[in-house]
Amino acid sequence: MTPRDKRSSLGAIFILIGVLFLLDNLRLLPWEIPYYFFTWQMVLVLIGLYQFLSGNARGGLFFIALGMIFWLPEYFDIRFRDYWPVVLIAVGVGFLVDKKRL
């Protein structure tokens, strides 16, 4: 995939996400769609999935992890101050993992 194709498909994804957010704000989407699909955290996860599938494993995993870190406290009884050391551990592992292996 050329850089122009990646840029075009990423632009289309952002437009689609924006349209879905707009339709949700205008209450034009059916009630069956769960709330957690329309959060800014899920946008980070989707960006991560896109990055991961387009060959950027490190960037993809970073965005997925970041989205999950901010998403977990909303649905579980977890506070960021309880698990912030996990962020430090993940950053350390990111420095130690050889970029060629991912």
PDB file of N, CA and C in Angstrom:
ATOM      1  N   MET A   1       0.853  -1.173   0.000  1.00  0.00           N
ATOM      2  CA  MET A   1       0.000   0.000   0.000  1.00  0.00           C
ATOM      3  C   MET A   1       0.901   1.239   0.000  1.00  0.00           C
ATOM      4  N   THR A   2       0.662   2.143  -0.929  1.00  0.00           N
ATOM      5  CA  THR A   2       1.473   3.346  -1.030  1.00  0.00           C
ATOM      6  C   THR A   2       1.069   4.339   0.052  1.00  0.00           C
ATOM      7  N   PRO A   3       1.960   5.289   0.367  1.00  0.00           N
ATOM      8  CA  PRO A   3       1.608   6.290   1.380  1.00  0.00           C
ATOM      9  C   PRO A   3       0.349   7.081   1.037  1.00  0.00           C
ATOM     10  N   ARG A   4       0.140   7.319  -0.267  1.00  0.00           N
ATOM     11  CA  ARG A   4      -1.064   8.055  -0.678  1.00  0.00           C
ATOM     12  C   ARG A   4      -2.323   7.237  -0.388  1.00  0.00           C
ATOM     13  N   ASP A   5      -2.262   5.914  -0.639  1.00  0.00           N
ATOM     14  CA  ASP A   5      -3.405   5.045  -0.351  1.00  0.00           C
ATOM     15  C   ASP A   5      -3.685   4.988   1.146  1.00  0.00           C
ATOM     16  N   LYS A   6      -2.629   4.909   1.948  1.00  0.00           N
ATOM     17  CA  LYS A   6      -2.794   4.892   3.407  1.00  0.00           C
ATOM     18  C   LYS A   6      -3.441   6.181   3.883  1.00  0.00           C
ATOM     19  N   ARG A   7      -2.965   7.282   3.330  1.00  0.00           N
ATOM     20  CA  ARG A   7      -3.510   8.591   3.730  1.00  0.00           C
ATOM     21  C   ARG A   7      -4.981   8.712   3.339  1.00  0.00           C
ATOM     22  N   SER A   8      -5.318   8.225   2.152  1.00  0.00           N
ATOM     23  CA  SER A   8      -6.703   8.289   1.684  1.00  0.00           C
ATOM     24  C   SER A   8      -7.619   7.408   2.525  1.00  0.00           C
ATOM     25  N   SER A   9      -7.156   6.201   2.827  1.00  0.00           N
ATOM     26  CA  SER A   9      -8.010   5.315   3.625  1.00  0.00           C
ATOM     27  C   SER A   9      -8.134   5.818   5.059  1.00  0.00           C
ATOM     28  N   LEU A  10      -7.080   6.398   5.612  1.00  0.00           N
ATOM     29  CA  LEU A  10      -7.181   6.974   6.953  1.00  0.00           C
ATOM     30  C   LEU A  10      -8.141   8.164   6.953  1.00  0.00           C
ATOM     31  N   GLY A  11      -8.101   8.966   5.904  1.00  0.00           N
ATOM     32  CA  GLY A  11      -9.039  10.079   5.786  1.00  0.00           C
ATOM     33  C   GLY A  11     -10.471   9.598   5.700  1.00  0.00           C
ATOM     34  N   ALA A  12     -10.696   8.529   4.948  1.00  0.00           N
ATOM     35  CA  ALA A  12     -12.047   7.970   4.840  1.00  0.00           C
ATOM     36  C   ALA A  12     -12.519   7.421   6.182  1.00  0.00           C
ATOM     37  N   ILE A  13     -11.629   6.808   6.931  1.00  0.00           N
ATOM     38  CA  ILE A  13     -12.000   6.291   8.257  1.00  0.00           C
ATOM     39  C   ILE A  13     -12.396   7.433   9.179  1.00  0.00           C
ATOM     40  N   PHE A  14     -11.623   8.527   9.177  1.00  0.00           N
ATOM     41  CA  PHE A  14     -11.964   9.676  10.022  1.00  0.00           C
ATOM     42  C   PHE A  14     -13.306  10.287   9.613  1.00  0.00           C
ATOM     43  N   ILE A  15     -13.567  10.365   8.310  1.00  0.00           N
ATOM     44  CA  ILE A  15     -14.855  10.884   7.854  1.00  0.00           C
ATOM     45  C   ILE A  15     -15.987   9.986   8.334  1.00  0.00           C
ATOM     46  N   LEU A  16     -15.814   8.674   8.213  1.00  0.00           N
ATOM     47  CA  LEU A  16     -16.834   7.732   8.672  1.00  0.00           C
ATOM     48  C   LEU A  16     -17.084   7.859  10.176  1.00  0.00           C
ATOM     49  N   ILE A  17     -16.022   7.944  10.946  1.00  0.00           N
ATOM     50  CA  ILE A  17     -16.170   8.094  12.394  1.00  0.00           C
ATOM     51  C   ILE A  17     -16.863   9.415  12.718  1.00  0.00           C
ATOM     52  N   GLY A  18     -16.495  10.479  12.012  1.00  0.00           N
ATOM     53  CA  GLY A  18     -17.134  11.771  12.241  1.00  0.00           C
ATOM     54  C   GLY A  18     -18.609  11.745  11.913  1.00  0.00           C
ATOM     55  N   VAL A  19     -18.969  11.098  10.804  1.00  0.00           N
ATOM     56  CA  VAL A  19     -20.384  10.984  10.434  1.00  0.00           C
ATOM     57  C   VAL A  19     -21.148  10.191  11.486  1.00  0.00           C
ATOM     58  N   LEU A  20     -20.556   9.098  11.979  1.00  0.00           N
ATOM     59  CA  LEU A  20     -21.227   8.312  13.018  1.00  0.00           C
ATOM     60  C   LEU A  20     -21.423   9.114  14.301  1.00  0.00           C
ATOM     61  N   PHE A  21     -20.393   9.870  14.707  1.00  0.00           N
ATOM     62  CA  PHE A  21     -20.545  10.728  15.890  1.00  0.00           C
ATOM     63  C   PHE A  21     -21.637  11.770  15.676  1.00  0.00           C
ATOM     64  N   LEU A  22     -21.677  12.382  14.484  1.00  0.00           N
ATOM     65  CA  LEU A  22     -22.693  13.388  14.183  1.00  0.00           C
ATOM     66  C   LEU A  22     -24.088  12.790  14.217  1.00  0.00           C
ATOM     67  N   LEU A  23     -24.270  11.628  13.593  1.00  0.00           N
ATOM     68  CA  LEU A  23     -25.580  10.977  13.608  1.00  0.00           C
ATOM     69  C   LEU A  23     -25.996  10.593  15.026  1.00  0.00           C
ATOM     70  N   ASP A  24     -25.023  10.189  15.838  1.00  0.00           N
ATOM     71  CA  ASP A  24     -25.326   9.865  17.226  1.00  0.00           C
ATOM     72  C   ASP A  24     -25.744  11.111  18.002  1.00  0.00           C
ATOM     73  N   ASN A  25     -25.039  12.220  17.790  1.00  0.00           N
ATOM     74  CA  ASN A  25     -25.389  13.471  18.484  1.00  0.00           C
ATOM     75  C   ASN A  25     -26.754  13.995  18.071  1.00  0.00           C
ATOM     76  N   LEU A  26     -27.130  13.760  16.815  1.00  0.00           N
ATOM     77  CA  LEU A  26     -28.438  14.201  16.328  1.00  0.00           C
ATOM     78  C   LEU A  26     -29.541  13.188  16.617  1.00  0.00           C
ATOM     79  N   ARG A  27     -29.175  12.112  17.299  1.00  0.00           N
ATOM     80  CA  ARG A  27     -30.118  11.054  17.690  1.00  0.00           C
ATOM     81  C   ARG A  27     -30.795  10.402  16.473  1.00  0.00           C
ATOM     82  N   LEU A  28     -30.003  10.194  15.417  1.00  0.00           N
ATOM     83  CA  LEU A  28     -30.520   9.575  14.205  1.00  0.00           C
ATOM     84  C   LEU A  28     -30.110   8.105  14.071  1.00  0.00           C
ATOM     85  N   LEU A  29     -29.362   7.597  15.031  1.00  0.00           N
ATOM     86  CA  LEU A  29     -28.966   6.193  15.011  1.00  0.00           C
ATOM     87  C   LEU A  29     -29.927   5.370  15.853  1.00  0.00           C
ATOM     88  N   PRO A  30     -30.107   4.117  15.512  1.00  0.00           N
ATOM     89  CA  PRO A  30     -31.010   3.273  16.311  1.00  0.00           C
ATOM     90  C   PRO A  30     -30.476   3.053  17.726  1.00  0.00           C
ATOM     91  N   TRP A  31     -31.362   2.735  18.630  1.00  0.00           N
ATOM     92  CA  TRP A  31     -31.008   2.545  20.034  1.00  0.00           C
ATOM     93  C   TRP A  31     -30.164   1.307  20.268  1.00  0.00           C
ATOM     94  N   GLU A  32     -30.127   0.379  19.342  1.00  0.00           N
ATOM     95  CA  GLU A  32     -29.415  -0.869  19.546  1.00  0.00           C
ATOM     96  C   GLU A  32     -27.897  -0.708  19.571  1.00  0.00           C
ATOM     97  N   ILE A  33     -27.393   0.388  19.080  1.00  0.00           N
ATOM     98  CA  ILE A  33     -25.948   0.584  19.043  1.00  0.00           C
ATOM     99  C   ILE A  33     -25.465   0.963  20.440  1.00  0.00           C
ATOM    100  N   PRO A  34     -24.557   0.166  21.016  1.00  0.00           N
ATOM    101  CA  PRO A  34     -24.101   0.427  22.384  1.00  0.00           C
ATOM    102  C   PRO A  34     -23.323   1.732  22.511  1.00  0.00           C
ATOM    103  N   TYR A  35     -23.362   2.279  23.693  1.00  0.00           N
ATOM    104  CA  TYR A  35     -22.707   3.556  23.975  1.00  0.00           C
ATOM    105  C   TYR A  35     -21.192   3.475  23.786  1.00  0.00           C
ATOM    106  N   TYR A  36     -20.583   2.367  24.175  1.00  0.00           N
ATOM    107  CA  TYR A  36     -19.125   2.304  24.180  1.00  0.00           C
ATOM    108  C   TYR A  36     -18.508   2.358  22.786  1.00  0.00           C
ATOM    109  N   PHE A  37     -19.302   2.222  21.735  1.00  0.00           N
ATOM    110  CA  PHE A  37     -18.765   2.385  20.388  1.00  0.00           C
ATOM    111  C   PHE A  37     -18.565   3.852  20.032  1.00  0.00           C
ATOM    112  N   PHE A  38     -19.164   4.737  20.773  1.00  0.00           N
ATOM    113  CA  PHE A  38     -19.108   6.161  20.454  1.00  0.00           C
ATOM    114  C   PHE A  38     -18.381   6.938  21.530  1.00  0.00           C
ATOM    115  N   THR A  39     -17.146   6.557  21.787  1.00  0.00           N
ATOM    116  CA  THR A  39     -16.312   7.266  22.752  1.00  0.00           C
ATOM    117  C   THR A  39     -14.998   7.636  22.080  1.00  0.00           C
ATOM    118  N   TRP A  40     -14.339   8.625  22.619  1.00  0.00           N
ATOM    119  CA  TRP A  40     -13.056   9.021  22.066  1.00  0.00           C
ATOM    120  C   TRP A  40     -12.005   7.949  22.318  1.00  0.00           C
ATOM    121  N   GLN A  41     -12.213   7.138  23.361  1.00  0.00           N
ATOM    122  CA  GLN A  41     -11.287   6.043  23.617  1.00  0.00           C
ATOM    123  C   GLN A  41     -11.346   5.008  22.491  1.00  0.00           C
ATOM    124  N   MET A  42     -12.548   4.750  21.998  1.00  0.00           N
ATOM    125  CA  MET A  42     -12.704   3.785  20.913  1.00  0.00           C
ATOM    126  C   MET A  42     -12.061   4.312  19.628  1.00  0.00           C
ATOM    127  N   VAL A  43     -12.039   5.625  19.447  1.00  0.00           N
ATOM    128  CA  VAL A  43     -11.358   6.197  18.288  1.00  0.00           C
ATOM    129  C   VAL A  43      -9.867   5.866  18.360  1.00  0.00           C
ATOM    130  N   LEU A  44      -9.278   5.959  19.556  1.00  0.00           N
ATOM    131  CA  LEU A  44      -7.874   5.584  19.716  1.00  0.00           C
ATOM    132  C   LEU A  44      -7.645   4.114  19.386  1.00  0.00           C
ATOM    133  N   VAL A  45      -8.554   3.255  19.828  1.00  0.00           N
ATOM    134  CA  VAL A  45      -8.441   1.824  19.537  1.00  0.00           C
ATOM    135  C   VAL A  45      -8.554   1.577  18.036  1.00  0.00           C
ATOM    136  N   LEU A  46      -9.466   2.250  17.369  1.00  0.00           N
ATOM    137  CA  LEU A  46      -9.624   2.082  15.924  1.00  0.00           C
ATOM    138  C   LEU A  46      -8.405   2.576  15.159  1.00  0.00           C
ATOM    139  N   ILE A  47      -7.829   3.684  15.601  1.00  0.00           N
ATOM    140  CA  ILE A  47      -6.596   4.169  14.979  1.00  0.00           C
ATOM    141  C   ILE A  47      -5.495   3.142  15.174  1.00  0.00           C
ATOM    142  N   GLY A  48      -5.432   2.559  16.359  1.00  0.00           N
ATOM    143  CA  GLY A  48      -4.444   1.524  16.626  1.00  0.00           C
ATOM    144  C   GLY A  48      -4.640   0.303  15.750  1.00  0.00           C
ATOM    145  N   LEU A  49      -5.879  -0.113  15.573  1.00  0.00           N
ATOM    146  CA  LEU A  49      -6.157  -1.257  14.699  1.00  0.00           C
ATOM    147  C   LEU A  49      -5.746  -0.965  13.262  1.00  0.00           C
ATOM    148  N   TYR A  50      -6.039   0.235  12.814  1.00  0.00           N
ATOM    149  CA  TYR A  50      -5.643   0.625  11.464  1.00  0.00           C
ATOM    150  C   TYR A  50      -4.120   0.584  11.323  1.00  0.00           C
ATOM    151  N   GLN A  51      -3.421   1.175  12.300  1.00  0.00           N
ATOM    152  CA  GLN A  51      -1.961   1.181  12.272  1.00  0.00           C
ATOM    153  C   GLN A  51      -1.406  -0.239  12.272  1.00  0.00           C
ATOM    154  N   PHE A  52      -1.976  -1.074  13.123  1.00  0.00           N
ATOM    155  CA  PHE A  52      -1.506  -2.451  13.245  1.00  0.00           C
ATOM    156  C   PHE A  52      -1.712  -3.214  11.942  1.00  0.00           C
ATOM    157  N   LEU A  53      -2.867  -3.060  11.333  1.00  0.00           N
ATOM    158  CA  LEU A  53      -3.169  -3.776  10.100  1.00  0.00           C
ATOM    159  C   LEU A  53      -2.413  -3.235   8.894  1.00  0.00           C
ATOM    160  N   SER A  54      -1.971  -1.991   8.961  1.00  0.00           N
ATOM    161  CA  SER A  54      -1.222  -1.424   7.842  1.00  0.00           C
ATOM    162  C   SER A  54       0.280  -1.632   7.996  1.00  0.00           C
ATOM    163  N   GLY A  55       0.686  -2.419   8.998  1.00  0.00           N
ATOM    164  CA  GLY A  55       2.094  -2.779   9.107  1.00  0.00           C
ATOM    165  C   GLY A  55       2.870  -2.091  10.199  1.00  0.00           C
ATOM    166  N   ASN A  56       2.290  -1.152  10.888  1.00  0.00           N
ATOM    167  CA  ASN A  56       2.977  -0.451  11.975  1.00  0.00           C
ATOM    168  C   ASN A  56       2.542  -1.075  13.300  1.00  0.00           C
ATOM    169  N   ALA A  57       3.155  -2.203  13.647  1.00  0.00           N
ATOM    170  CA  ALA A  57       2.737  -2.947  14.836  1.00  0.00           C
ATOM    171  C   ALA A  57       2.969  -2.153  16.114  1.00  0.00           C
ATOM    172  N   ARG A  58       4.112  -1.508  16.238  1.00  0.00           N
ATOM    173  CA  ARG A  58       4.436  -0.770  17.468  1.00  0.00           C
ATOM    174  C   ARG A  58       3.464   0.396  17.677  1.00  0.00           C
ATOM    175  N   GLY A  59       3.230   1.178  16.641  1.00  0.00           N
ATOM    176  CA  GLY A  59       2.290   2.289  16.756  1.00  0.00           C
ATOM    177  C   GLY A  59       0.870   1.810  16.999  1.00  0.00           C
ATOM    178  N   GLY A  60       0.504   0.714  16.334  1.00  0.00           N
ATOM    179  CA  GLY A  60      -0.832   0.157  16.517  1.00  0.00           C
ATOM    180  C   GLY A  60      -1.058  -0.316  17.937  1.00  0.00           C
ATOM    181  N   LEU A  61      -0.093  -1.051  18.478  1.00  0.00           N
ATOM    182  CA  LEU A  61      -0.224  -1.530  19.857  1.00  0.00           C
ATOM    183  C   LEU A  61      -0.233  -0.374  20.848  1.00  0.00           C
ATOM    184  N   PHE A  62       0.529   0.685  20.552  1.00  0.00           N
ATOM    185  CA  PHE A  62       0.535   1.860  21.428  1.00  0.00           C
ATOM    186  C   PHE A  62      -0.849   2.498  21.497  1.00  0.00           C
ATOM    187  N   PHE A  63      -1.472   2.735  20.342  1.00  0.00           N
ATOM    188  CA  PHE A  63      -2.789   3.375  20.337  1.00  0.00           C
ATOM    189  C   PHE A  63      -3.865   2.477  20.940  1.00  0.00           C
ATOM    190  N   ILE A  64      -3.784   1.176  20.682  1.00  0.00           N
ATOM    191  CA  ILE A  64      -4.752   0.261  21.276  1.00  0.00           C
ATOM    192  C   ILE A  64      -4.615   0.266  22.791  1.00  0.00           C
ATOM    193  N   ALA A  65      -3.381   0.189  23.284  1.00  0.00           N
ATOM    194  CA  ALA A  65      -3.145   0.202  24.736  1.00  0.00           C
ATOM    195  C   ALA A  65      -3.595   1.526  25.347  1.00  0.00           C
ATOM    196  N   LEU A  66      -3.316   2.628  24.682  1.00  0.00           N
ATOM    197  CA  LEU A  66      -3.722   3.936  25.200  1.00  0.00           C
ATOM    198  C   LEU A  66      -5.237   4.051  25.284  1.00  0.00           C
ATOM    199  N   GLY A  67      -5.925   3.605  24.235  1.00  0.00           N
ATOM    200  CA  GLY A  67      -7.384   3.634  24.264  1.00  0.00           C
ATOM    201  C   GLY A  67      -7.950   2.762  25.376  1.00  0.00           C
ATOM    202  N   MET A  68      -7.360   1.580  25.562  1.00  0.00           N
ATOM    203  CA  MET A  68      -7.838   0.675  26.608  1.00  0.00           C
ATOM    204  C   MET A  68      -7.569   1.225  28.004  1.00  0.00           C
ATOM    205  N   ILE A  69      -6.421   1.893  28.176  1.00  0.00           N
ATOM    206  CA  ILE A  69      -6.097   2.484  29.473  1.00  0.00           C
ATOM    207  C   ILE A  69      -7.143   3.515  29.865  1.00  0.00           C
ATOM    208  N   PHE A  70      -7.569   4.325  28.911  1.00  0.00           N
ATOM    209  CA  PHE A  70      -8.569   5.343  29.218  1.00  0.00           C
ATOM    210  C   PHE A  70      -9.991   4.790  29.233  1.00  0.00           C
ATOM    211  N   TRP A  71     -10.212   3.648  28.592  1.00  0.00           N
ATOM    212  CA  TRP A  71     -11.551   3.051  28.505  1.00  0.00           C
ATOM    213  C   TRP A  71     -11.901   2.227  29.738  1.00  0.00           C
ATOM    214  N   LEU A  72     -10.946   1.509  30.296  1.00  0.00           N
ATOM    215  CA  LEU A  72     -11.205   0.600  31.422  1.00  0.00           C
ATOM    216  C   LEU A  72     -11.877   1.260  32.630  1.00  0.00           C
ATOM    217  N   PRO A  73     -11.445   2.430  33.088  1.00  0.00           N
ATOM    218  CA  PRO A  73     -12.088   3.014  34.273  1.00  0.00           C
ATOM    219  C   PRO A  73     -13.562   3.324  34.111  1.00  0.00           C
ATOM    220  N   GLU A  74     -14.034   3.511  32.880  1.00  0.00           N
ATOM    221  CA  GLU A  74     -15.450   3.804  32.675  1.00  0.00           C
ATOM    222  C   GLU A  74     -16.342   2.596  32.901  1.00  0.00           C
ATOM    223  N   TYR A  75     -15.805   1.402  32.682  1.00  0.00           N
ATOM    224  CA  TYR A  75     -16.628   0.199  32.737  1.00  0.00           C
ATOM    225  C   TYR A  75     -16.277  -0.742  33.882  1.00  0.00           C
ATOM    226  N   PHE A  76     -15.155  -0.510  34.524  1.00  0.00           N
ATOM    227  CA  PHE A  76     -14.753  -1.337  35.652  1.00  0.00           C
ATOM    228  C   PHE A  76     -14.372  -0.431  36.808  1.00  0.00           C
ATOM    229  N   ASP A  77     -14.351  -0.987  37.987  1.00  0.00           N
ATOM    230  CA  ASP A  77     -14.001  -0.205  39.172  1.00  0.00           C
ATOM    231  C   ASP A  77     -12.480  -0.128  39.305  1.00  0.00           C
ATOM    232  N   ILE A  78     -11.873   0.569  38.361  1.00  0.00           N
ATOM    233  CA  ILE A  78     -10.426   0.723  38.337  1.00  0.00           C
ATOM    234  C   ILE A  78     -10.136   2.217  38.199  1.00  0.00           C
ATOM    235  N   ARG A  79      -9.214   2.687  38.995  1.00  0.00           N
ATOM    236  CA  ARG A  79      -8.795   4.084  38.900  1.00  0.00           C
ATOM    237  C   ARG A  79      -7.402   4.131  38.300  1.00  0.00           C
ATOM    238  N   PHE A  80      -7.127   5.187  37.562  1.00  0.00           N
ATOM    239  CA  PHE A  80      -5.833   5.309  36.895  1.00  0.00           C
ATOM    240  C   PHE A  80      -4.695   5.287  37.899  1.00  0.00           C
ATOM    241  N   ARG A  81      -4.879   5.891  39.055  1.00  0.00           N
ATOM    242  CA  ARG A  81      -3.794   5.932  40.032  1.00  0.00           C
ATOM    243  C   ARG A  81      -3.457   4.544  40.566  1.00  0.00           C
ATOM    244  N   ASP A  82      -4.374   3.582  40.396  1.00  0.00           N
ATOM    245  CA  ASP A  82      -4.096   2.218  40.844  1.00  0.00           C
ATOM    246  C   ASP A  82      -3.191   1.469  39.873  1.00  0.00           C
ATOM    247  N   TYR A  83      -3.264   1.791  38.610  1.00  0.00           N
ATOM    248  CA  TYR A  83      -2.501   1.018  37.638  1.00  0.00           C
ATOM    249  C   TYR A  83      -1.571   1.856  36.758  1.00  0.00           C
ATOM    250  N   TRP A  84      -1.218   3.061  37.167  1.00  0.00           N
ATOM    251  CA  TRP A  84      -0.302   3.871  36.379  1.00  0.00           C
ATOM    252  C   TRP A  84       1.074   3.245  36.237  1.00  0.00           C
ATOM    253  N   PRO A  85       1.547   2.410  37.191  1.00  0.00           N
ATOM    254  CA  PRO A  85       2.844   1.760  36.958  1.00  0.00           C
ATOM    255  C   PRO A  85       2.868   0.857  35.723  1.00  0.00           C
ATOM    256  N   VAL A  86       1.712   0.363  35.308  1.00  0.00           N
ATOM    257  CA  VAL A  86       1.651  -0.462  34.102  1.00  0.00           C
ATOM    258  C   VAL A  86       2.091   0.357  32.888  1.00  0.00           C
ATOM    259  N   VAL A  87       1.780   1.637  32.886  1.00  0.00           N
ATOM    260  CA  VAL A  87       2.199   2.508  31.792  1.00  0.00           C
ATOM    261  C   VAL A  87       3.724   2.581  31.759  1.00  0.00           C
ATOM    262  N   LEU A  88       4.353   2.735  32.917  1.00  0.00           N
ATOM    263  CA  LEU A  88       5.812   2.772  32.967  1.00  0.00           C
ATOM    264  C   LEU A  88       6.421   1.452  32.499  1.00  0.00           C
ATOM    265  N   ILE A  89       5.815   0.347  32.900  1.00  0.00           N
ATOM    266  CA  ILE A  89       6.293  -0.963  32.476  1.00  0.00           C
ATOM    267  C   ILE A  89       6.184  -1.105  30.961  1.00  0.00           C
ATOM    268  N   ALA A  90       5.066  -0.677  30.403  1.00  0.00           N
ATOM    269  CA  ALA A  90       4.860  -0.775  28.956  1.00  0.00           C
ATOM    270  C   ALA A  90       5.861   0.090  28.192  1.00  0.00           C
ATOM    271  N   VAL A  91       6.147   1.271  28.699  1.00  0.00           N
ATOM    272  CA  VAL A  91       7.132   2.138  28.050  1.00  0.00           C
ATOM    273  C   VAL A  91       8.510   1.479  28.100  1.00  0.00           C
ATOM    274  N   GLY A  92       8.847   0.900  29.248  1.00  0.00           N
ATOM    275  CA  GLY A  92      10.129   0.207  29.369  1.00  0.00           C
ATOM    276  C   GLY A  92      10.242  -0.970  28.428  1.00  0.00           C
ATOM    277  N   VAL A  93       9.184  -1.750  28.317  1.00  0.00           N
ATOM    278  CA  VAL A  93       9.185  -2.882  27.389  1.00  0.00           C
ATOM    279  C   VAL A  93       9.311  -2.381  25.958  1.00  0.00           C
ATOM    280  N   GLY A  94       8.673  -1.275  25.658  1.00  0.00           N
ATOM    281  CA  GLY A  94       8.774  -0.696  24.317  1.00  0.00           C
ATOM    282  C   GLY A  94      10.198  -0.307  23.961  1.00  0.00           C
ATOM    283  N   PHE A  95      10.961   0.164  24.948  1.00  0.00           N
ATOM    284  CA  PHE A  95      12.358   0.506  24.686  1.00  0.00           C
ATOM    285  C   PHE A  95      13.225  -0.744  24.524  1.00  0.00           C
ATOM    286  N   LEU A  96      12.873  -1.810  25.205  1.00  0.00           N
ATOM    287  CA  LEU A  96      13.692  -3.018  25.171  1.00  0.00           C
ATOM    288  C   LEU A  96      13.416  -3.906  23.962  1.00  0.00           C
ATOM    289  N   VAL A  97      12.202  -3.886  23.449  1.00  0.00           N
ATOM    290  CA  VAL A  97      11.844  -4.749  22.330  1.00  0.00           C
ATOM    291  C   VAL A  97      12.507  -4.228  21.057  1.00  0.00           C
ATOM    292  N   ASP A  98      13.135  -5.116  20.368  1.00  0.00           N
ATOM    293  CA  ASP A  98      13.787  -4.771  19.126  1.00  0.00           C
ATOM    294  C   ASP A  98      12.753  -4.429  18.059  1.00  0.00           C
ATOM    295  N   LYS A  99      12.903  -3.310  17.410  1.00  0.00           N
ATOM    296  CA  LYS A  99      11.930  -2.855  16.418  1.00  0.00           C
ATOM    297  C   LYS A  99      11.808  -3.832  15.248  1.00  0.00           C
ATOM    298  N   LYS A 100      12.862  -4.546  14.919  1.00  0.00           N
ATOM    299  CA  LYS A 100      12.829  -5.472  13.789  1.00  0.00           C
ATOM    300  C   LYS A 100      11.993  -6.706  14.075  1.00  0.00           C
ATOM    301  N   ARG A 101      11.808  -7.061  15.350  1.00  0.00           N
ATOM    302  CA  ARG A 101      11.034  -8.250  15.681  1.00  0.00           C
ATOM    303  C   ARG A 101       9.537  -7.999  15.582  1.00  0.00           C
ATOM    304  N   LEU A 102       9.087  -6.759  15.674  1.00  0.00           N
ATOM    305  CA  LEU A 102       7.647  -6.468  15.578  1.00  0.00           C
ATOM    306  C   LEU A 102       7.260  -6.124  14.196  1.00  0.00           C
TER     307      LEU A 102
END
